Amino acid sequence: MAGGADHLGFKVIMLAPAWVQRHTGASYLVPAFFVSLFSVANIFLIWRIARRAGADEREAPWATAAMAASNSMFYWARHVMPFDVAMFWALACLYVGLKPAARWWDSVLAGALGCAAFVTYNGYWAMVACALTAHVLSAWPAWKSGCVRAVAGLVGLVGSFALLLGFVCVGLDVDLLGLVADENGGAKAATYLSFSGSITQGDFHEGAQVFFDYLWRTERATSLVWAVALVASGWWFARCDPTTRRRGILWAGCIVALMTILIVGSNVLEKFVIYGRLARQVVPFCSLLVGWTAARIFARERQAVWKERLALMGLAGCAAGSMAAPLQQEFPRSFHLRASHFVTSYRNLHAPADPMGTMPEKFRFLYNDFIWPEADRTPQPQHIELMAEAHPLQWRPYLYEGFNAAQRAQIEATDIRMRLILLKD
């Protein structure tokens, strides 16, 4: 578990469902359910963050609804991956950091939560940076308090990382020197920093294009709601009280900061390639800004109740439209299981015509697995297609997870439907 820098925190957290599986013989659904709880908790945290930042009873529900309407949040919730777990810690860091009159121990806790997010999935370091920066800047104009928050937050961040290494060493009986230093004497802990920038599969120069294209193809009309909220917020900044304005600027600033960090890091510095899972870091802040903008709009509308309900129905419609595609997907494991039952029935039905028992050798699966880096185009013998289902990679957002432009084009130009075929004699 401690052999690499990849997702150490996620490995530690997943010990809980692993223990349940080992002692109860439960299925793979246990870790899936466990991870999905973090996805749901992220929606709840948006409501808590909005309220802590000063949102009223109109703004906070709007922000929560916008988060729940995100297709990116929806379809990743079904995968046993560290992304939503890391986002949970990052949002918890933001929640603690926005505590009114926060003391130094709150800063330490915020730093510790930021560390948890970083070691769970290193790629979300930019979100952690935004959360901790918001914590420091929320002390303005008391610059001394801001300095204390910065130092205490750094102590919490670095100290928690050191404690985690110690826990792994003691709990797994790992040589501390072997964990901290590699065989060449280099600092192994530094690999956590380098790993967060090791996302290099794909094209650096596509950073900005992938960022916006992923959000559009994933969210569709919901992304237009975000864009309208971002543009409209600029108009409302000059028409609201300072406290409300400050909150709106915070959400918009986090969106712009994340966009800048990701695009500059990819297009300009060529340190990491933007994947879909990196672009989705802006979703929580887009949701918070949607809530802020909606509250400003409907607060000044006369008889706004029916208009607000109509707008919520529109948001729900946007969500339904974007979520329709992932709801219809089938994955290779499920297809293989369904096809195996079909093969059994087919063989029983045609057993009299196959006295030599050679039929099993004639069944073949096509593209019933993960495809990387390109689709196999080996010609198949003459055959009968018995079953077919769309491959998950035929849904474009999945092609923004490490594939470059040429690979995406090759896969999209190939018929990669998952198929069960029967070879002809």
Protein backbone atom coordinates (compact mmCIF):
# COMPACT_ATOMS: atom_id res chain seq x y z
CA MET A 1 0.00 0.00 0.00
CA ALA A 2 2.85 2.40 0.76
CA GLY A 3 4.82 1.42 -2.28
CA GLY A 4 3.89 4.46 -4.36
CA ALA A 5 2.66 8.00 -4.26
CA ASP A 6 -0.59 7.26 -6.05
CA HIS A 7 -3.67 7.81 -3.89
CA LEU A 8 -2.25 6.67 -0.55
CA GLY A 9 -5.10 8.31 1.34
CA PHE A 10 -7.65 6.49 -0.82
CA LYS A 11 -5.94 3.18 -0.08
CA VAL A 12 -6.17 3.87 3.65
CA ILE A 13 -9.85 4.86 3.46
CA MET A 14 -10.76 1.82 1.37
CA LEU A 15 -9.47 -0.48 4.09
CA ALA A 16 -12.92 -0.11 5.69
CA PRO A 17 -14.99 -1.64 2.85
CA ALA A 18 -12.19 -4.13 2.19
CA TRP A 19 -12.51 -5.36 5.78
CA VAL A 20 -16.28 -5.72 5.35
CA GLN A 21 -15.82 -7.67 2.13
CA ARG A 22 -13.24 -9.96 3.69
CA HIS A 23 -15.28 -10.82 6.78
CA THR A 24 -18.74 -10.99 5.24
CA GLY A 25 -18.03 -12.22 1.73
CA ALA A 26 -19.99 -9.27 0.36
CA SER A 27 -19.82 -8.36 -3.31
CA TYR A 28 -18.01 -5.55 -5.07
CA LEU A 29 -21.08 -3.41 -4.43
CA VAL A 30 -19.80 -2.70 -0.91
CA PRO A 31 -16.89 -0.46 -2.00
CA ALA A 32 -19.10 1.07 -4.69
CA PHE A 33 -21.73 2.01 -2.12
CA PHE A 34 -19.07 3.26 0.28
CA VAL A 35 -17.50 5.61 -2.27
CA SER A 36 -20.89 6.84 -3.49
CA LEU A 37 -21.60 8.10 0.04
CA PHE A 38 -18.85 10.67 -0.45
CA SER A 39 -20.48 11.78 -3.71
CA VAL A 40 -23.75 12.41 -1.88
CA ALA A 41 -21.92 14.10 1.00
CA ASN A 42 -20.39 16.55 -1.47
CA ILE A 43 -23.87 17.81 -2.35
CA PHE A 44 -24.64 18.27 1.34
CA LEU A 45 -21.36 20.12 1.85
CA ILE A 46 -22.29 22.63 -0.85
CA TRP A 47 -25.35 23.56 1.19
CA ARG A 48 -23.27 23.84 4.37
CA ILE A 49 -20.57 25.91 2.66
CA ALA A 50 -23.12 28.29 1.18
CA ARG A 51 -24.79 28.79 4.56
CA ARG A 52 -21.49 29.29 6.36
CA ALA A 53 -20.45 31.86 3.78
CA GLY A 54 -23.61 33.84 4.51
CA ALA A 55 -26.12 32.51 1.98
CA ASP A 56 -29.79 32.83 2.87
CA GLU A 57 -32.53 30.20 2.63
CA ARG A 58 -32.97 30.90 -1.07
CA GLU A 59 -29.34 30.93 -2.18
CA ALA A 60 -28.17 27.76 -0.38
CA PRO A 61 -30.88 25.46 -1.84
CA TRP A 62 -30.18 26.82 -5.31
CA ALA A 63 -26.47 26.04 -4.95
CA THR A 64 -27.30 22.56 -3.68
CA ALA A 65 -29.70 21.93 -6.56
CA ALA A 66 -27.09 23.07 -9.07
CA MET A 67 -24.55 20.65 -7.60
CA ALA A 68 -27.05 17.79 -7.70
CA ALA A 69 -27.86 18.65 -11.32
CA SER A 70 -24.24 18.20 -12.43
CA ASN A 71 -23.78 15.20 -14.69
CA SER A 72 -20.06 15.12 -13.91
CA MET A 73 -20.89 14.61 -10.26
CA PHE A 74 -23.52 12.03 -11.20
CA TYR A 75 -21.65 9.67 -13.49
CA TRP A 76 -18.41 9.59 -11.50
CA ALA A 77 -20.40 8.58 -8.39
CA ARG A 78 -20.81 5.08 -9.83
CA HIS A 79 -17.06 4.46 -10.16
CA VAL A 80 -14.84 3.24 -7.32
CA MET A 81 -12.29 6.01 -7.81
CA PRO A 82 -10.66 8.51 -5.42
CA PHE A 83 -11.94 11.68 -7.09
CA ASP A 84 -15.14 12.30 -5.13
CA VAL A 85 -13.47 11.24 -1.88
CA ALA A 86 -10.72 13.80 -2.48
CA MET A 87 -13.31 16.42 -3.39
CA PHE A 88 -15.11 15.71 -0.11
CA TRP A 89 -11.96 16.51 1.88
CA ALA A 90 -11.29 19.62 -0.21
CA LEU A 91 -14.84 20.90 0.33
CA ALA A 92 -14.56 20.09 4.03
CA CYS A 93 -11.36 22.15 4.05
CA LEU A 94 -13.27 25.05 2.49
CA TYR A 95 -16.12 24.66 4.98
CA VAL A 96 -13.80 24.79 7.98
CA GLY A 97 -11.80 27.62 6.44
CA LEU A 98 -14.87 29.83 6.05
CA LYS A 99 -15.78 29.62 9.73
CA PRO A 100 -16.48 33.12 11.06
CA ALA A 101 -13.80 34.36 13.46
CA ALA A 102 -11.74 31.23 12.83
CA ARG A 103 -8.96 30.58 15.35
CA TRP A 104 -5.53 29.09 14.72
CA TRP A 105 -6.74 25.55 15.43
CA ASP A 106 -9.37 25.96 12.74
CA SER A 107 -6.55 26.81 10.35
CA VAL A 108 -4.65 23.70 11.40
CA LEU A 109 -7.77 21.60 10.81
CA ALA A 110 -8.30 23.19 7.40
CA GLY A 111 -4.70 22.36 6.49
CA ALA A 112 -5.16 18.77 7.68
CA LEU A 113 -8.28 18.37 5.55
CA GLY A 114 -6.40 19.83 2.59
CA CYS A 115 -3.69 17.22 3.16
CA ALA A 116 -6.34 14.49 3.21
CA ALA A 117 -7.63 15.69 -0.16
CA PHE A 118 -4.13 15.83 -1.64
CA VAL A 119 -3.05 12.34 -0.57
CA THR A 120 -6.42 10.87 -1.58
CA TYR A 121 -6.05 12.14 -5.14
CA ASN A 122 -3.00 14.25 -5.85
CA GLY A 123 -4.54 15.84 -8.93
CA TYR A 124 -6.91 17.97 -6.81
CA TRP A 125 -4.12 20.05 -5.30
CA ALA A 126 -5.44 23.13 -7.13
CA MET A 127 -8.80 22.84 -5.39
CA VAL A 128 -7.03 22.54 -2.04
CA ALA A 129 -4.98 25.63 -2.87
CA CYS A 130 -8.16 27.59 -3.63
CA ALA A 131 -9.80 26.44 -0.39
CA LEU A 132 -6.82 27.40 1.77
CA THR A 133 -6.39 30.71 -0.06
CA ALA A 134 -10.05 31.50 0.59
CA HIS A 135 -9.44 30.72 4.26
CA VAL A 136 -6.52 33.14 4.45
CA LEU A 137 -8.20 35.91 2.46
CA SER A 138 -11.41 35.70 4.50
CA ALA A 139 -9.46 37.36 7.34
CA TRP A 140 -9.12 40.56 5.26
CA PRO A 141 -8.49 43.35 6.19
CA ALA A 142 -6.87 41.92 9.36
CA TRP A 143 -3.57 41.03 7.69
CA LYS A 144 -1.99 39.76 10.92
CA SER A 145 -4.82 37.29 11.33
CA GLY A 146 -4.34 36.28 7.71
CA CYS A 147 -0.65 35.57 8.33
CA VAL A 148 -1.52 33.43 11.36
CA ARG A 149 -4.02 31.48 9.26
CA ALA A 150 -1.45 30.93 6.52
CA VAL A 151 1.20 29.62 8.92
CA ALA A 152 -1.23 27.45 10.92
CA GLY A 153 -2.76 26.07 7.73
CA LEU A 154 0.68 25.15 6.42
CA VAL A 155 1.49 23.43 9.72
CA GLY A 156 -1.73 21.43 9.47
CA LEU A 157 -1.01 20.50 5.86
CA VAL A 158 2.62 19.40 6.34
CA GLY A 159 2.13 17.97 9.83
CA SER A 160 -0.76 15.78 8.73
CA PHE A 161 1.31 14.45 5.86
CA ALA A 162 4.09 13.49 8.28
CA LEU A 163 1.59 11.81 10.62
CA LEU A 164 0.12 9.83 7.73
CA LEU A 165 3.54 8.52 6.78
CA GLY A 166 4.13 7.54 10.40
CA PHE A 167 0.77 5.75 10.59
CA VAL A 168 1.54 3.74 7.48
CA CYS A 169 5.00 2.83 8.74
CA VAL A 170 3.82 1.70 12.18
CA GLY A 171 0.56 0.11 11.10
CA LEU A 172 2.11 -1.88 8.27
CA ASP A 173 5.50 -2.43 9.91
CA VAL A 174 7.25 -0.54 7.12
CA ASP A 175 10.79 0.73 7.52
CA LEU A 176 10.42 4.50 7.93
CA LEU A 177 13.72 5.18 6.20
CA GLY A 178 12.66 2.94 3.35
CA LEU A 179 9.41 4.87 2.99
CA VAL A 180 10.92 8.32 3.16
CA ALA A 181 13.97 7.62 1.01
CA ASP A 182 14.24 5.49 -2.10
CA GLU A 183 17.09 3.17 -3.00
CA ASN A 184 19.00 6.03 -4.60
CA GLY A 185 18.84 8.17 -1.47
CA GLY A 186 16.30 10.56 -2.92
CA ALA A 187 13.39 11.93 -0.95
CA LYS A 188 10.52 9.58 -1.61
CA ALA A 189 8.04 11.93 0.01
CA ALA A 190 8.82 14.35 -2.80
CA THR A 191 7.22 11.89 -5.21
CA TYR A 192 3.84 13.02 -3.89
CA LEU A 193 4.55 16.45 -5.29
CA SER A 194 5.86 15.13 -8.59
CA PHE A 195 3.02 12.62 -8.94
CA SER A 196 0.45 15.41 -8.85
CA GLY A 197 2.07 16.75 -12.01
CA SER A 198 2.61 13.38 -13.68
CA ILE A 199 -0.62 13.47 -15.68
CA THR A 200 1.07 13.52 -19.05
CA GLN A 201 -0.96 11.13 -21.23
CA GLY A 202 -2.63 13.22 -23.89
CA ASP A 203 -1.72 16.57 -25.46
CA PHE A 204 -0.50 19.54 -23.43
CA HIS A 205 -1.58 22.05 -26.07
CA GLU A 206 -5.19 20.83 -25.87
CA GLY A 207 -5.60 21.99 -22.28
CA ALA A 208 -8.05 24.85 -22.80
CA GLN A 209 -9.97 23.00 -25.50
CA VAL A 210 -10.34 19.85 -23.39
CA PHE A 211 -11.38 21.88 -20.35
CA PHE A 212 -14.32 23.55 -22.07
CA ASP A 213 -15.17 20.67 -24.41
CA TYR A 214 -15.37 18.19 -21.54
CA LEU A 215 -17.69 20.41 -19.50
CA TRP A 216 -19.90 21.05 -22.52
CA ARG A 217 -20.17 17.41 -23.61
CA THR A 218 -20.74 16.26 -20.04
CA GLU A 219 -23.13 18.91 -18.78
CA ARG A 220 -24.70 20.23 -21.98
CA ALA A 221 -27.38 22.79 -21.07
CA THR A 222 -26.27 22.83 -17.42
CA SER A 223 -22.92 24.28 -18.48
CA LEU A 224 -24.81 27.13 -20.16
CA VAL A 225 -26.50 27.83 -16.82
CA TRP A 226 -23.03 28.13 -15.28
CA ALA A 227 -21.87 30.46 -18.03
CA VAL A 228 -24.92 32.68 -17.62
CA ALA A 229 -24.38 32.77 -13.85
CA LEU A 230 -20.73 33.75 -14.29
CA VAL A 231 -21.55 36.57 -16.70
CA ALA A 232 -24.60 37.77 -14.76
CA SER A 233 -22.67 37.82 -11.49
CA GLY A 234 -20.49 40.61 -12.85
CA TRP A 235 -23.58 42.76 -13.33
CA TRP A 236 -24.83 42.05 -9.80
CA PHE A 237 -21.49 42.73 -8.09
CA ALA A 238 -22.11 46.48 -8.32
CA ARG A 239 -25.72 46.20 -7.14
CA CYS A 240 -25.52 44.37 -3.83
CA ASP A 241 -24.19 45.01 -0.36
CA PRO A 242 -20.46 44.48 0.40
CA THR A 243 -20.95 41.21 2.31
CA THR A 244 -23.00 39.65 -0.46
CA ARG A 245 -20.62 40.98 -3.11
CA ARG A 246 -17.67 39.48 -1.28
CA ARG A 247 -19.26 36.04 -1.33
CA GLY A 248 -20.04 36.21 -5.04
CA ILE A 249 -16.52 37.39 -5.86
CA LEU A 250 -15.15 34.47 -3.84
CA TRP A 251 -17.04 31.87 -5.90
CA ALA A 252 -16.27 33.56 -9.21
CA GLY A 253 -12.65 34.03 -8.19
CA CYS A 254 -12.25 30.33 -7.39
CA ILE A 255 -13.68 29.41 -10.80
CA VAL A 256 -11.32 31.76 -12.62
CA ALA A 257 -8.35 30.68 -10.47
CA LEU A 258 -8.94 26.98 -11.16
CA MET A 259 -9.39 27.60 -14.88
CA THR A 260 -6.18 29.64 -14.96
CA ILE A 261 -4.13 27.11 -12.98
CA LEU A 262 -5.24 24.20 -15.15
CA ILE A 263 -4.95 25.91 -18.53
CA VAL A 264 -1.61 27.60 -17.79
CA GLY A 265 -0.23 24.37 -16.30
CA SER A 266 -1.19 22.50 -19.47
CA ASN A 267 -0.96 24.91 -22.41
CA VAL A 268 1.83 27.19 -21.19
CA LEU A 269 3.99 25.32 -18.69
CA GLU A 270 3.25 21.82 -20.05
CA LYS A 271 3.43 20.31 -16.55
CA PHE A 272 0.27 18.20 -16.76
CA VAL A 273 -2.46 17.35 -19.24
CA ILE A 274 -6.02 18.37 -18.42
CA TYR A 275 -8.31 15.37 -17.99
CA GLY A 276 -12.05 15.45 -17.48
CA ARG A 277 -11.62 14.58 -13.82
CA LEU A 278 -9.41 17.65 -13.37
CA ALA A 279 -11.80 19.99 -15.16
CA ARG A 280 -14.66 18.97 -12.85
CA GLN A 281 -12.95 20.72 -9.92
CA VAL A 282 -14.81 23.87 -10.95
CA VAL A 283 -18.24 22.24 -10.59
CA PRO A 284 -18.70 22.96 -6.85
CA PHE A 285 -17.80 26.62 -7.31
CA CYS A 286 -20.00 26.92 -10.40
CA SER A 287 -22.85 25.51 -8.32
CA LEU A 288 -22.21 28.01 -5.53
CA LEU A 289 -22.16 30.85 -8.05
CA VAL A 290 -25.41 29.66 -9.62
CA GLY A 291 -26.99 29.80 -6.18
CA TRP A 292 -25.59 33.27 -5.54
CA THR A 293 -26.81 34.63 -8.90
CA ALA A 294 -30.24 32.98 -8.67
CA ALA A 295 -30.79 34.48 -5.22
CA ARG A 296 -29.93 37.95 -6.52
CA ILE A 297 -32.28 37.61 -9.47
CA PHE A 298 -35.31 36.25 -7.64
CA ALA A 299 -34.85 38.45 -4.58
CA ARG A 300 -35.78 41.50 -6.66
CA GLU A 301 -38.54 39.87 -8.69
CA ARG A 302 -42.12 40.56 -7.74
CA GLN A 303 -44.21 37.43 -7.50
CA ALA A 304 -41.00 35.47 -8.05
CA VAL A 305 -42.32 32.19 -6.63
CA TRP A 306 -43.72 30.81 -9.87
CA LYS A 307 -40.74 32.09 -11.85
CA GLU A 308 -38.37 30.46 -9.41
CA ARG A 309 -40.23 27.18 -9.61
CA LEU A 310 -40.15 27.37 -13.38
CA ALA A 311 -36.39 27.99 -13.27
CA LEU A 312 -35.90 24.99 -10.98
CA MET A 313 -37.89 22.84 -13.38
CA GLY A 314 -35.65 24.08 -16.17
CA LEU A 315 -32.55 23.14 -14.17
CA ALA A 316 -34.02 19.69 -13.53
CA GLY A 317 -34.69 19.36 -17.25
CA CYS A 318 -31.08 20.26 -18.02
CA ALA A 319 -29.92 17.61 -15.56
CA ALA A 320 -32.23 14.97 -17.03
CA GLY A 321 -31.01 15.71 -20.53
CA SER A 322 -27.33 15.41 -19.64
CA MET A 323 -27.77 12.35 -17.39
CA ALA A 324 -29.73 10.36 -19.97
CA ALA A 325 -26.60 9.08 -21.73
CA PRO A 326 -24.78 7.63 -18.70
CA LEU A 327 -28.02 6.12 -17.42
CA GLN A 328 -28.26 4.05 -20.62
CA GLN A 329 -24.68 2.78 -20.50
CA GLU A 330 -23.60 -0.78 -19.93
CA PHE A 331 -20.07 -1.70 -18.91
CA PRO A 332 -17.97 -4.68 -20.07
CA ARG A 333 -18.43 -6.67 -16.85
CA SER A 334 -22.21 -6.45 -17.06
CA PHE A 335 -22.24 -7.18 -20.79
CA HIS A 336 -19.99 -10.21 -20.33
CA LEU A 337 -22.28 -11.59 -17.62
CA ARG A 338 -25.38 -11.07 -19.73
CA ALA A 339 -23.70 -12.53 -22.82
CA SER A 340 -22.49 -15.57 -20.86
CA HIS A 341 -26.08 -16.40 -19.92
CA PHE A 342 -27.03 -15.98 -23.57
CA VAL A 343 -24.24 -18.36 -24.64
CA THR A 344 -25.47 -21.02 -22.22
CA SER A 345 -29.02 -20.75 -23.54
CA TYR A 346 -27.82 -20.72 -27.15
CA ARG A 347 -25.70 -23.84 -26.66
CA ASN A 348 -28.54 -25.72 -24.99
CA LEU A 349 -30.89 -24.77 -27.80
CA HIS A 350 -28.48 -25.87 -30.55
CA ALA A 351 -26.89 -28.85 -28.79
CA PRO A 352 -28.46 -31.45 -31.15
CA ALA A 353 -26.79 -29.73 -34.10
CA ASP A 354 -23.38 -29.82 -32.40
CA PRO A 355 -22.69 -33.45 -31.41
CA MET A 356 -18.91 -32.87 -31.35
CA GLY A 357 -19.19 -30.02 -28.83
CA THR A 358 -17.18 -27.58 -30.94
CA MET A 359 -19.60 -24.68 -30.62
CA PRO A 360 -17.95 -23.05 -27.53
CA GLU A 361 -14.80 -22.44 -29.56
CA LYS A 362 -16.78 -20.40 -32.07
CA PHE A 363 -18.03 -17.78 -29.63
CA ARG A 364 -15.95 -14.64 -29.40
CA PHE A 365 -16.19 -11.30 -27.60
CA LEU A 366 -15.24 -8.08 -29.38
CA TYR A 367 -14.25 -4.89 -27.51
CA ASN A 368 -15.54 -6.30 -24.24
CA ASP A 369 -12.77 -4.63 -22.26
CA PHE A 370 -11.10 -1.29 -21.66
CA ILE A 371 -9.62 0.10 -24.87
CA TRP A 372 -6.18 1.69 -24.65
CA PRO A 373 -4.57 3.51 -26.36
CA GLU A 374 -6.36 2.75 -29.63
CA ALA A 375 -9.02 0.35 -30.84
CA ASP A 376 -7.90 -2.95 -32.34
CA ARG A 377 -8.89 -3.12 -36.00
CA THR A 378 -7.93 -6.73 -36.68
CA PRO A 379 -10.35 -8.11 -39.31
CA GLN A 380 -12.66 -10.80 -37.99
CA PRO A 381 -13.63 -13.99 -39.87
CA GLN A 382 -17.16 -14.31 -41.16
CA HIS A 383 -19.48 -14.41 -38.21
CA ILE A 384 -22.99 -13.92 -36.89
CA GLU A 385 -23.52 -11.05 -34.45
CA LEU A 386 -25.51 -12.42 -31.54
CA MET A 387 -25.43 -9.49 -29.10
CA ALA A 388 -24.23 -5.90 -29.23
CA GLU A 389 -24.17 -2.92 -26.88
CA ALA A 390 -22.53 0.50 -27.05
CA HIS A 391 -19.08 0.64 -25.45
CA PRO A 392 -18.68 3.21 -22.64
CA LEU A 393 -15.94 4.94 -24.65
CA GLN A 394 -18.53 5.77 -27.30
CA TRP A 395 -19.69 8.41 -24.84
CA ARG A 396 -17.30 11.28 -25.50
CA PRO A 397 -16.53 12.44 -21.91
CA TYR A 398 -14.67 9.20 -21.18
CA LEU A 399 -12.29 9.99 -24.04
CA TYR A 400 -10.98 12.97 -22.08
CA GLU A 401 -9.28 10.70 -19.57
CA GLY A 402 -5.79 10.37 -21.04
CA PHE A 403 -6.51 9.98 -24.75
CA ASN A 404 -4.95 12.48 -27.14
CA ALA A 405 -6.69 13.92 -30.20
CA ALA A 406 -5.40 11.25 -32.59
CA GLN A 407 -6.44 8.42 -30.28
CA ARG A 408 -9.90 9.92 -29.79
CA ALA A 409 -10.33 10.25 -33.55
CA GLN A 410 -9.21 6.64 -34.14
CA ILE A 411 -11.58 5.26 -31.52
CA GLU A 412 -14.53 7.33 -32.75
CA ALA A 413 -13.88 6.17 -36.33
CA THR A 414 -13.99 2.52 -35.24
CA ASP A 415 -17.06 0.46 -34.48
CA ILE A 416 -16.17 -0.43 -30.89
CA ARG A 417 -19.54 -1.74 -29.82
CA MET A 418 -19.24 -4.58 -27.32
CA ARG A 419 -20.28 -7.66 -29.24
CA LEU A 420 -20.77 -11.38 -28.87
CA ILE A 421 -20.23 -13.11 -32.20
CA LEU A 422 -20.44 -16.68 -33.46
CA LEU A 423 -17.89 -17.61 -36.10
CA LYS A 424 -19.26 -19.27 -39.20
CA ASP A 425 -18.00 -22.65 -40.34
